[in-house]
Protein backbone atom coordinates (compact mmCIF):
# COMPACT_ATOMS: atom_id res chain seq x y z
CA MET A 1 -4.38 12.63 -53.48
CA ASP A 2 -2.54 9.38 -52.79
CA GLU A 3 -3.98 6.67 -50.54
CA TYR A 4 -2.02 3.61 -49.51
CA THR A 5 -1.38 1.15 -46.69
CA ILE A 6 2.03 0.50 -45.15
CA PHE A 7 2.52 -1.91 -42.24
CA ARG A 8 -1.26 -2.05 -41.73
CA HIS A 9 -1.47 1.74 -41.41
CA TYR A 10 -3.66 3.68 -43.81
CA TYR A 11 -2.12 6.85 -45.25
CA ILE A 12 -3.52 9.72 -47.26
CA ARG A 13 -1.15 12.21 -48.82
CA LEU A 14 -2.46 15.40 -50.34
CA ASN A 15 -0.42 18.30 -51.59
CA LEU A 16 -2.38 21.28 -50.25
CA ILE A 17 -0.01 23.73 -51.91
CA LYS A 18 -2.46 23.71 -54.82
CA VAL A 19 -5.39 24.39 -52.46
CA ILE A 20 -5.12 28.00 -51.32
CA ASN A 21 -8.79 28.45 -50.57
CA TYR A 22 -9.60 28.68 -46.84
CA LYS A 23 -12.94 26.91 -47.13
CA ALA A 24 -11.48 24.13 -49.29
CA ILE A 25 -8.70 23.40 -46.78
CA LYS A 26 -11.22 23.31 -43.92
CA LYS A 27 -13.53 21.02 -45.89
CA ILE A 28 -10.75 18.57 -46.79
CA LEU A 29 -9.56 18.36 -43.18
CA LYS A 30 -13.11 18.06 -41.79
CA ASP A 31 -13.87 15.27 -44.27
CA TRP A 32 -10.76 13.43 -43.13
CA THR A 33 -11.81 13.70 -39.47
CA LYS A 34 -14.99 11.81 -40.32
CA LYS A 35 -13.15 8.83 -41.83
CA LYS A 36 -13.01 5.88 -39.44
CA LYS A 37 -9.68 4.77 -40.95
CA ILE A 38 -7.93 8.00 -39.92
CA ASP A 39 -6.65 8.30 -36.34
CA VAL A 40 -4.41 11.33 -36.75
CA ILE A 41 -3.87 14.14 -39.24
CA ILE A 42 -0.39 15.62 -39.54
CA THR A 43 0.23 18.69 -41.64
CA THR A 44 3.49 20.28 -42.65
CA GLY A 45 4.23 23.57 -44.29
CA GLY A 46 1.44 25.74 -45.53
CA THR A 47 1.00 28.37 -48.17
CA GLY A 48 4.00 30.35 -46.93
CA LEU A 49 4.47 33.29 -44.62
CA THR A 50 2.58 35.76 -46.71
CA GLY A 51 -0.79 37.45 -46.56
CA ARG A 52 -2.31 34.49 -48.40
CA ASP A 53 -1.13 32.01 -45.75
CA ILE A 54 -4.47 30.73 -44.47
CA THR A 55 -3.52 27.14 -43.54
CA PRO A 56 -2.86 27.89 -39.83
CA GLU A 57 -6.20 29.66 -39.46
CA ALA A 58 -8.06 26.82 -41.18
CA LEU A 59 -6.40 24.25 -38.92
CA ASP A 60 -6.92 26.35 -35.82
CA GLU A 61 -10.65 26.57 -36.45
CA ILE A 62 -11.21 22.80 -36.65
CA ALA A 63 -8.55 21.47 -34.24
CA ASP A 64 -9.82 19.42 -31.29
CA LYS A 65 -6.69 19.99 -29.26
CA HIS A 66 -3.78 22.40 -29.31
CA ILE A 67 -0.38 21.47 -27.90
CA PRO A 68 1.35 24.73 -26.93
CA GLY A 69 5.12 24.59 -27.39
CA PHE A 70 5.12 21.47 -29.55
CA GLY A 71 5.98 23.39 -32.71
CA GLU A 72 8.93 25.07 -31.03
CA ILE A 73 10.26 21.75 -29.75
CA PHE A 74 9.85 20.16 -33.17
CA ARG A 75 11.65 23.06 -34.88
CA THR A 76 14.52 22.88 -32.35
CA ILE A 77 14.99 19.16 -32.98
CA SER A 78 14.84 19.74 -36.73
CA LEU A 79 17.39 22.56 -36.52
CA LYS A 80 19.80 20.30 -34.59
CA THR A 81 19.45 17.38 -37.01
CA VAL A 82 19.00 19.12 -40.36
CA GLY A 83 20.73 22.41 -39.70
């Protein structure tokens, strides 16, 4: 896990690809929600679109708010810019 400050913003970067345990992912994210320094948690990717892909379920269980359609909009923008 990397922790650093850029432009007075505190960042934590953790490669969850090595964490494929549902409970471990939930615990890491819950611990982060308790840190006063953290205002937002952004995740990308997951463990892949396989039977072992448990990241979405772990996030879904602890999320305070869901934003329906946001993922589709983000993917559309990404497709237009990245291809």
